[in-house]
C-alpha cells in the first residue's frame, strides 16, 4: 500500500522522504517513477505537493565483518 506525503514550505524530495519515512537517496528513483511529472516541479517542491511513496522493500542493514583478537 502506497503512502501519500505532503510537501511543506522549502521541502526537497529527499528531505521530505528522510523526515517523514527515514528513507535515503536510494529510494528516489522508485518515488519519482510513482510520481510522473514530479521532477518537472523543480528542486524545491511547491507547498502542498502530494508525493506518493510506493511500498519499498526493507533492506537488511549492512553486515560488518568483525575480527576477534583473542580466542
PDB file of N, CA and C in Angstrom:
ATOM      1  N   UNK A   1       0.843  -1.177   0.000  1.00  0.00           N
ATOM      2  CA  UNK A   1       0.000   0.000   0.000  1.00  0.00           C
ATOM      3  C   UNK A   1       0.893   1.247   0.000  1.00  0.00           C
ATOM      4  N   UNK A   2       0.612   2.157  -0.885  1.00  0.00           N
ATOM      5  CA  UNK A   2       1.413   3.376  -1.022  1.00  0.00           C
ATOM      6  C   UNK A   2       0.954   4.441  -0.027  1.00  0.00           C
ATOM      7  N   UNK A   3       1.906   5.189   0.494  1.00  0.00           N
ATOM      8  CA  UNK A   3       1.615   6.323   1.373  1.00  0.00           C
ATOM      9  C   UNK A   3       1.662   7.596   0.543  1.00  0.00           C
ATOM     10  N   UNK A   4       0.921   8.601   0.980  1.00  0.00           N
ATOM     11  CA  UNK A   4       0.972   9.907   0.323  1.00  0.00           C
ATOM     12  C   UNK A   4       1.464  10.923   1.344  1.00  0.00           C
ATOM     13  N   UNK A   5       2.564  11.589   1.015  1.00  0.00           N
ATOM     14  CA  UNK A   5       3.132  12.637   1.858  1.00  0.00           C
ATOM     15  C   UNK A   5       2.811  13.983   1.240  1.00  0.00           C
ATOM     16  N   UNK A   6       2.792  15.026   2.046  1.00  0.00           N
ATOM     17  CA  UNK A   6       2.517  16.373   1.557  1.00  0.00           C
ATOM     18  C   UNK A   6       3.713  17.267   1.852  1.00  0.00           C
ATOM     19  N   UNK A   7       4.180  17.956   0.813  1.00  0.00           N
ATOM     20  CA  UNK A   7       5.351  18.825   0.949  1.00  0.00           C
ATOM     21  C   UNK A   7       5.022  20.070   1.765  1.00  0.00           C
ATOM     22  N   UNK A   8       5.982  20.475   2.590  1.00  0.00           N
ATOM     23  CA  UNK A   8       5.889  21.724   3.347  1.00  0.00           C
ATOM     24  C   UNK A   8       6.735  22.780   2.645  1.00  0.00           C
ATOM     25  N   UNK A   9       6.695  23.987   3.169  1.00  0.00           N
ATOM     26  CA  UNK A   9       7.463  25.079   2.577  1.00  0.00           C
ATOM     27  C   UNK A   9       8.954  24.749   2.572  1.00  0.00           C
ATOM     28  N   UNK A  10       9.582  24.872   1.405  1.00  0.00           N
ATOM     29  CA  UNK A  10      11.017  24.678   1.271  1.00  0.00           C
ATOM     30  C   UNK A  10      11.470  23.233   1.168  1.00  0.00           C
ATOM     31  N   UNK A  11      10.537  22.277   1.129  1.00  0.00           N
ATOM     32  CA  UNK A  11      10.913  20.864   1.058  1.00  0.00           C
ATOM     33  C   UNK A  11      11.518  20.493  -0.288  1.00  0.00           C
ATOM     34  N   UNK A  12      12.554  19.686  -0.222  1.00  0.00           N
ATOM     35  CA  UNK A  12      13.041  18.995  -1.410  1.00  0.00           C
ATOM     36  C   UNK A  12      12.550  17.556  -1.271  1.00  0.00           C
ATOM     37  N   UNK A  13      12.575  16.807  -2.352  1.00  0.00           N
ATOM     38  CA  UNK A  13      12.051  15.444  -2.301  1.00  0.00           C
ATOM     39  C   UNK A  13      12.834  14.586  -1.318  1.00  0.00           C
ATOM     40  N   UNK A  14      14.155  14.648  -1.378  1.00  0.00           N
ATOM     41  CA  UNK A  14      14.936  13.813  -0.466  1.00  0.00           C
ATOM     42  C   UNK A  14      14.748  14.209   0.996  1.00  0.00           C
ATOM     43  N   UNK A  15      14.582  15.497   1.262  1.00  0.00           N
ATOM     44  CA  UNK A  15      14.344  15.954   2.637  1.00  0.00           C
ATOM     45  C   UNK A  15      12.996  15.451   3.150  1.00  0.00           C
ATOM     46  N   UNK A  16      11.977  15.526   2.313  1.00  0.00           N
ATOM     47  CA  UNK A  16      10.638  15.052   2.683  1.00  0.00           C
ATOM     48  C   UNK A  16      10.657  13.558   2.992  1.00  0.00           C
ATOM     49  N   UNK A  17      11.302  12.779   2.139  1.00  0.00           N
ATOM     50  CA  UNK A  17      11.370  11.331   2.351  1.00  0.00           C
ATOM     51  C   UNK A  17      12.135  10.985   3.621  1.00  0.00           C
ATOM     52  N   UNK A  18      13.222  11.701   3.891  1.00  0.00           N
ATOM     53  CA  UNK A  18      14.013  11.436   5.094  1.00  0.00           C
ATOM     54  C   UNK A  18      13.235  11.810   6.357  1.00  0.00           C
ATOM     55  N   UNK A  19      12.630  12.994   6.356  1.00  0.00           N
ATOM     56  CA  UNK A  19      11.919  13.472   7.546  1.00  0.00           C
ATOM     57  C   UNK A  19      10.705  12.604   7.876  1.00  0.00           C
ATOM     58  N   UNK A  20       9.924  12.257   6.873  1.00  0.00           N
ATOM     59  CA  UNK A  20       8.659  11.567   7.120  1.00  0.00           C
ATOM     60  C   UNK A  20       8.789  10.049   7.232  1.00  0.00           C
ATOM     61  N   UNK A  21       9.732   9.452   6.509  1.00  0.00           N
ATOM     62  CA  UNK A  21       9.828   7.992   6.476  1.00  0.00           C
ATOM     63  C   UNK A  21      11.219   7.445   6.767  1.00  0.00           C
ATOM     64  N   UNK A  22      12.213   8.326   6.923  1.00  0.00           N
ATOM     65  CA  UNK A  22      13.572   7.857   7.176  1.00  0.00           C
ATOM     66  C   UNK A  22      14.202   7.181   5.968  1.00  0.00           C
ATOM     67  N   UNK A  23      13.727   7.533   4.771  1.00  0.00           N
ATOM     68  CA  UNK A  23      14.221   6.922   3.537  1.00  0.00           C
ATOM     69  C   UNK A  23      15.380   7.721   2.974  1.00  0.00           C
ATOM     70  N   UNK A  24      16.357   7.012   2.427  1.00  0.00           N
ATOM     71  CA  UNK A  24      17.546   7.646   1.878  1.00  0.00           C
ATOM     72  C   UNK A  24      17.475   7.835   0.378  1.00  0.00           C
ATOM     73  N   UNK A  25      18.575   8.298  -0.205  1.00  0.00           N
ATOM     74  CA  UNK A  25      18.613   8.620  -1.636  1.00  0.00           C
ATOM     75  C   UNK A  25      18.420   7.413  -2.546  1.00  0.00           C
ATOM     76  N   UNK A  26      18.624   6.212  -2.032  1.00  0.00           N
ATOM     77  CA  UNK A  26      18.439   5.025  -2.863  1.00  0.00           C
ATOM     78  C   UNK A  26      16.973   4.803  -3.249  1.00  0.00           C
ATOM     79  N   UNK A  27      16.054   5.494  -2.590  1.00  0.00           N
ATOM     80  CA  UNK A  27      14.624   5.333  -2.889  1.00  0.00           C
ATOM     81  C   UNK A  27      14.094   6.376  -3.874  1.00  0.00           C
ATOM     82  N   UNK A  28      14.911   7.348  -4.240  1.00  0.00           N
ATOM     83  CA  UNK A  28      14.435   8.438  -5.102  1.00  0.00           C
ATOM     84  C   UNK A  28      13.909   7.947  -6.443  1.00  0.00           C
ATOM     85  N   UNK A  29      14.593   7.001  -7.078  1.00  0.00           N
ATOM     86  CA  UNK A  29      14.146   6.512  -8.386  1.00  0.00           C
ATOM     87  C   UNK A  29      12.755   5.893  -8.308  1.00  0.00           C
ATOM     88  N   UNK A  30      12.499   5.085  -7.281  1.00  0.00           N
ATOM     89  CA  UNK A  30      11.190   4.446  -7.127  1.00  0.00           C
ATOM     90  C   UNK A  30      10.097   5.483  -6.870  1.00  0.00           C
ATOM     91  N   UNK A  31      10.401   6.494  -6.066  1.00  0.00           N
ATOM     92  CA  UNK A  31       9.415   7.535  -5.767  1.00  0.00           C
ATOM     93  C   UNK A  31       9.139   8.384  -7.005  1.00  0.00           C
ATOM     94  N   UNK A  32      10.176   8.736  -7.753  1.00  0.00           N
ATOM     95  CA  UNK A  32       9.971   9.516  -8.977  1.00  0.00           C
ATOM     96  C   UNK A  32       9.180   8.721 -10.012  1.00  0.00           C
ATOM     97  N   UNK A  33       9.398   7.404 -10.080  1.00  0.00           N
ATOM     98  CA  UNK A  33       8.641   6.564 -11.014  1.00  0.00           C
ATOM     99  C   UNK A  33       7.164   6.512 -10.632  1.00  0.00           C
ATOM    100  N   UNK A  34       6.872   6.592  -9.333  1.00  0.00           N
ATOM    101  CA  UNK A  34       5.489   6.551  -8.860  1.00  0.00           C
ATOM    102  C   UNK A  34       4.795   7.907  -8.965  1.00  0.00           C
ATOM    103  N   UNK A  35       5.551   8.963  -9.266  1.00  0.00           N
ATOM    104  CA  UNK A  35       5.007  10.323  -9.343  1.00  0.00           C
ATOM    105  C   UNK A  35       5.414  10.984 -10.657  1.00  0.00           C
ATOM    106  N   UNK A  36       4.773  10.618 -11.768  1.00  0.00           N
ATOM    107  CA  UNK A  36       5.138  11.219 -13.055  1.00  0.00           C
ATOM    108  C   UNK A  36       5.003  12.743 -13.007  1.00  0.00           C
ATOM    109  N   UNK A  37       5.997  13.436 -13.525  1.00  0.00           N
ATOM    110  CA  UNK A  37       5.971  14.892 -13.569  1.00  0.00           C
ATOM    111  C   UNK A  37       6.480  15.578 -12.318  1.00  0.00           C
ATOM    112  N   UNK A  38       6.785  14.826 -11.282  1.00  0.00           N
ATOM    113  CA  UNK A  38       7.248  15.434 -10.031  1.00  0.00           C
ATOM    114  C   UNK A  38       8.593  16.131 -10.215  1.00  0.00           C
ATOM    115  N   UNK A  39       9.483  15.542 -10.984  1.00  0.00           N
ATOM    116  CA  UNK A  39      10.804  16.141 -11.214  1.00  0.00           C
ATOM    117  C   UNK A  39      10.695  17.457 -11.977  1.00  0.00           C
ATOM    118  N   UNK A  40       9.624  17.636 -12.751  1.00  0.00           N
ATOM    119  CA  UNK A  40       9.431  18.866 -13.520  1.00  0.00           C
ATOM    120  C   UNK A  40       9.060  20.057 -12.639  1.00  0.00           C
ATOM    121  N   UNK A  41       8.718  19.807 -11.387  1.00  0.00           N
ATOM    122  CA  UNK A  41       8.313  20.889 -10.480  1.00  0.00           C
ATOM    123  C   UNK A  41       9.499  21.625  -9.882  1.00  0.00           C
ATOM    124  N   UNK A  42      10.700  21.139 -10.122  1.00  0.00           N
ATOM    125  CA  UNK A  42      11.890  21.821  -9.625  1.00  0.00           C
ATOM    126  C   UNK A  42      12.464  21.154  -8.396  1.00  0.00           C
ATOM    127  N   UNK A  43      13.597  21.695  -7.948  1.00  0.00           N
ATOM    128  CA  UNK A  43      14.304  21.112  -6.803  1.00  0.00           C
ATOM    129  C   UNK A  43      13.518  21.280  -5.509  1.00  0.00           C
ATOM    130  N   UNK A  44      12.885  22.438  -5.335  1.00  0.00           N
ATOM    131  CA  UNK A  44      12.068  22.690  -4.150  1.00  0.00           C
ATOM    132  C   UNK A  44      10.615  22.477  -4.525  1.00  0.00           C
ATOM    133  N   UNK A  45       9.950  21.575  -3.814  1.00  0.00           N
ATOM    134  CA  UNK A  45       8.559  21.254  -4.127  1.00  0.00           C
ATOM    135  C   UNK A  45       7.632  22.381  -3.688  1.00  0.00           C
ATOM    136  N   UNK A  46       6.607  22.685  -4.489  1.00  0.00           N
ATOM    137  CA  UNK A  46       5.617  23.670  -4.061  1.00  0.00           C
ATOM    138  C   UNK A  46       4.878  23.177  -2.808  1.00  0.00           C
ATOM    139  N   UNK A  47       4.481  24.098  -1.954  1.00  0.00           N
ATOM    140  CA  UNK A  47       3.758  23.748  -0.732  1.00  0.00           C
ATOM    141  C   UNK A  47       2.500  22.971  -1.101  1.00  0.00           C
ATOM    142  N   UNK A  48       2.254  21.881  -0.380  1.00  0.00           N
ATOM    143  CA  UNK A  48       1.053  21.085  -0.591  1.00  0.00           C
ATOM    144  C   UNK A  48       1.164  20.038  -1.683  1.00  0.00           C
ATOM    145  N   UNK A  49       2.325  19.909  -2.300  1.00  0.00           N
ATOM    146  CA  UNK A  49       2.501  18.908  -3.353  1.00  0.00           C
ATOM    147  C   UNK A  49       2.358  17.509  -2.760  1.00  0.00           C
ATOM    148  N   UNK A  50       1.420  16.697  -3.287  1.00  0.00           N
ATOM    149  CA  UNK A  50       1.315  15.319  -2.798  1.00  0.00           C
ATOM    150  C   UNK A  50       2.400  14.453  -3.434  1.00  0.00           C
ATOM    151  N   UNK A  51       3.017  13.618  -2.634  1.00  0.00           N
ATOM    152  CA  UNK A  51       4.071  12.719  -3.106  1.00  0.00           C
ATOM    153  C   UNK A  51       3.696  11.299  -2.689  1.00  0.00           C
ATOM    154  N   UNK A  52       3.486  10.442  -3.673  1.00  0.00           N
ATOM    155  CA  UNK A  52       3.154   9.049  -3.403  1.00  0.00           C
ATOM    156  C   UNK A  52       4.437   8.263  -3.181  1.00  0.00           C
ATOM    157  N   UNK A  53       4.488   7.545  -2.057  1.00  0.00           N
ATOM    158  CA  UNK A  53       5.647   6.715  -1.735  1.00  0.00           C
ATOM    159  C   UNK A  53       5.221   5.260  -1.900  1.00  0.00           C
ATOM    160  N   UNK A  54       5.748   4.574  -2.929  1.00  0.00           N
ATOM    161  CA  UNK A  54       5.366   3.179  -3.152  1.00  0.00           C
ATOM    162  C   UNK A  54       5.937   2.280  -2.063  1.00  0.00           C
ATOM    163  N   UNK A  55       5.360   1.093  -1.910  1.00  0.00           N
ATOM    164  CA  UNK A  55       5.944   0.151  -0.943  1.00  0.00           C
ATOM    165  C   UNK A  55       7.381  -0.161  -1.351  1.00  0.00           C
ATOM    166  N   UNK A  56       8.277   0.016  -0.435  1.00  0.00           N
ATOM    167  CA  UNK A  56       9.696  -0.208  -0.704  1.00  0.00           C
ATOM    168  C   UNK A  56      10.168  -1.312   0.230  1.00  0.00           C
ATOM    169  N   UNK A  57      10.764  -2.344  -0.346  1.00  0.00           N
ATOM    170  CA  UNK A  57      11.226  -3.480   0.451  1.00  0.00           C
ATOM    171  C   UNK A  57      12.255  -3.016   1.470  1.00  0.00           C
ATOM    172  N   UNK A  58      12.093  -3.486   2.677  1.00  0.00           N
ATOM    173  CA  UNK A  58      13.049  -3.144   3.732  1.00  0.00           C
ATOM    174  C   UNK A  58      14.388  -3.807   3.420  1.00  0.00           C
ATOM    175  N   UNK A  59      15.424  -3.043   3.555  1.00  0.00           N
ATOM    176  CA  UNK A  59      16.754  -3.564   3.288  1.00  0.00           C
ATOM    177  C   UNK A  59      17.415  -3.950   4.597  1.00  0.00           C
ATOM    178  N   UNK A  60      18.093  -5.077   4.572  1.00  0.00           N
ATOM    179  CA  UNK A  60      18.825  -5.501   5.759  1.00  0.00           C
ATOM    180  C   UNK A  60      20.010  -4.565   5.963  1.00  0.00           C
ATOM    181  N   UNK A  61      20.303  -4.230   7.207  1.00  0.00           N
ATOM    182  CA  UNK A  61      21.460  -3.359   7.445  1.00  0.00           C
ATOM    183  C   UNK A  61      22.737  -4.052   6.985  1.00  0.00           C
ATOM    184  N   UNK A  62      23.721  -3.294   6.545  1.00  0.00           N
ATOM    185  CA  UNK A  62      24.968  -3.915   6.092  1.00  0.00           C
ATOM    186  C   UNK A  62      25.654  -4.662   7.235  1.00  0.00           C
ATOM    187  N   UNK A  63      26.245  -5.772   6.894  1.00  0.00           N
ATOM    188  CA  UNK A  63      26.924  -6.600   7.894  1.00  0.00           C
ATOM    189  C   UNK A  63      28.391  -6.189   7.947  1.00  0.00           C
ATOM    190  N   UNK A  64      28.840  -5.896   9.154  1.00  0.00           N
ATOM    191  CA  UNK A  64      30.257  -5.546   9.333  1.00  0.00           C
ATOM    192  C   UNK A  64      31.004  -6.791   9.768  1.00  0.00           C
ATOM    193  N   UNK A  65      32.060  -7.071   9.064  1.00  0.00           N
ATOM    194  CA  UNK A  65      32.888  -8.210   9.438  1.00  0.00           C
ATOM    195  C   UNK A  65      33.719  -7.813  10.650  1.00  0.00           C
ATOM    196  N   UNK A  66      33.706  -8.662  11.663  1.00  0.00           N
ATOM    197  CA  UNK A  66      34.476  -8.368  12.871  1.00  0.00           C
ATOM    198  C   UNK A  66      35.675  -9.301  12.963  1.00  0.00           C
ATOM    199  N   UNK A  67      36.679  -8.830  13.621  1.00  0.00           N
ATOM    200  CA  UNK A  67      37.893  -9.614  13.829  1.00  0.00           C
ATOM    201  C   UNK A  67      38.014  -9.876  15.319  1.00  0.00           C
ATOM    202  N   UNK A  68      38.183 -11.134  15.666  1.00  0.00           N
ATOM    203  CA  UNK A  68      38.330 -11.492  17.070  1.00  0.00           C
ATOM    204  C   UNK A  68      39.813 -11.497  17.412  1.00  0.00           C
ATOM    205  N   UNK A  69      40.203 -10.655  18.351  1.00  0.00           N
ATOM    206  CA  UNK A  69      41.612 -10.542  18.706  1.00  0.00           C
ATOM    207  C   UNK A  69      42.104 -11.700  19.566  1.00  0.00           C
ATOM    208  N   UNK A  70      41.260 -12.177  20.455  1.00  0.00           N
ATOM    209  CA  UNK A  70      41.636 -13.280  21.329  1.00  0.00           C
ATOM    210  C   UNK A  70      40.605 -14.376  21.177  1.00  0.00           C
ATOM    211  N   UNK A  71      41.070 -15.612  21.194  1.00  0.00           N
ATOM    212  CA  UNK A  71      40.129 -16.724  21.044  1.00  0.00           C
ATOM    213  C   UNK A  71      39.797 -17.365  22.364  1.00  0.00           C
TER     214      UNK A  71
END
